Amino acid sequence: MKKAAIQLETLACPSCMQKIDNAVKALDGVEKDSVKVMFNASKVKLDFDEEKVSIENIEKAITSMGYEVIKSQVKAK
């Protein structure tokens, strides 16, 4: 398992947060209980299994919904 912190563009509304939360949790390989979308910090933190899903796929799920990913950090858990 890996731990990711994804910095997003500034989130405008709480419903944006919910959409991102749902999109990330829908990905196979993401540990659903670990997903935390932080509205004030415009960050997403999560744990994922890199054998099932890549950080690029997670970023793509966010960007495909119209939210810009500024940077991602991945660490061993």
Protein backbone atom coordinates (compact mmCIF):
# COMPACT_ATOMS: atom_id res chain seq x y z
CA MET A 1 0.00 0.00 0.00
CA LYS A 2 1.06 3.56 -0.70
CA LYS A 3 -0.07 6.82 0.84
CA ALA A 4 -0.87 9.78 -1.43
CA ALA A 5 -1.38 13.49 -0.81
CA ILE A 6 -2.80 15.32 -3.80
CA GLN A 7 -2.83 19.12 -3.88
CA LEU A 8 -5.74 20.53 -5.88
CA GLU A 9 -6.69 23.94 -7.15
CA THR A 10 -8.74 25.87 -4.57
CA LEU A 11 -12.07 24.13 -4.02
CA ALA A 12 -15.02 26.47 -4.44
CA CYS A 13 -17.79 24.57 -2.69
CA PRO A 14 -18.50 21.62 -0.41
CA SER A 15 -20.29 19.78 -3.23
CA CYS A 16 -16.98 19.80 -5.18
CA MET A 17 -15.48 18.01 -2.22
CA GLN A 18 -18.22 15.37 -2.32
CA LYS A 19 -17.79 14.79 -6.07
CA ILE A 20 -14.03 14.29 -5.69
CA ASP A 21 -14.59 12.01 -2.69
CA ASN A 22 -17.02 9.82 -4.67
CA ALA A 23 -14.80 9.72 -7.78
CA VAL A 24 -11.71 8.63 -5.83
CA LYS A 25 -13.60 6.07 -3.74
CA ALA A 26 -15.05 4.54 -6.94
CA LEU A 27 -11.57 3.49 -8.12
CA ASP A 28 -10.58 -0.12 -7.59
CA GLY A 29 -7.49 -0.27 -5.39
CA VAL A 30 -8.25 2.83 -3.32
CA GLU A 31 -8.79 2.11 0.38
CA LYS A 32 -12.20 3.75 0.78
CA ASP A 33 -11.93 4.38 4.53
CA SER A 34 -8.65 6.24 4.04
CA VAL A 35 -9.99 8.89 1.61
CA LYS A 36 -10.06 12.37 3.13
CA VAL A 37 -10.88 15.44 1.05
CA MET A 38 -9.87 18.59 2.93
CA PHE A 39 -11.90 21.57 1.78
CA ASN A 40 -9.87 24.37 3.38
CA ALA A 41 -6.51 22.91 2.32
CA SER A 42 -7.80 21.79 -1.12
CA LYS A 43 -6.10 18.42 -0.62
CA VAL A 44 -7.01 14.79 -0.98
CA LYS A 45 -5.26 12.19 1.17
CA LEU A 46 -5.70 8.48 0.63
CA ASP A 47 -4.10 5.05 0.74
CA PHE A 48 -4.04 2.92 -2.40
CA ASP A 49 -2.75 -0.38 -3.73
CA GLU A 50 -0.33 0.49 -6.52
CA GLU A 51 -0.78 -2.96 -8.06
CA LYS A 52 -4.44 -2.14 -8.76
CA VAL A 53 -4.40 1.60 -9.42
CA SER A 54 -1.71 4.18 -10.19
CA ILE A 55 -1.43 7.74 -8.91
CA GLU A 56 -1.97 8.82 -12.54
CA ASN A 57 -5.33 7.03 -12.60
CA ILE A 58 -6.34 8.71 -9.35
CA GLU A 59 -5.31 12.11 -10.74
CA LYS A 60 -7.22 11.39 -13.97
CA ALA A 61 -10.39 10.61 -11.99
CA ILE A 62 -10.10 14.06 -10.39
CA THR A 63 -9.14 16.01 -13.53
CA SER A 64 -11.86 14.34 -15.61
CA MET A 65 -14.37 15.97 -13.28
CA GLY A 66 -12.91 19.39 -14.03
CA TYR A 67 -10.63 19.89 -11.01
CA GLU A 68 -6.98 20.72 -11.52
CA VAL A 69 -4.34 18.63 -9.76
CA ILE A 70 -1.38 20.84 -8.83
CA LYS A 71 0.92 18.14 -7.46
CA SER A 72 0.91 14.70 -5.90
CA GLN A 73 3.16 13.11 -3.33
CA VAL A 74 3.31 9.36 -2.91
CA LYS A 75 4.99 7.64 0.03
CA ALA A 76 5.31 4.09 1.22
CA LYS A 77 2.76 3.45 3.94
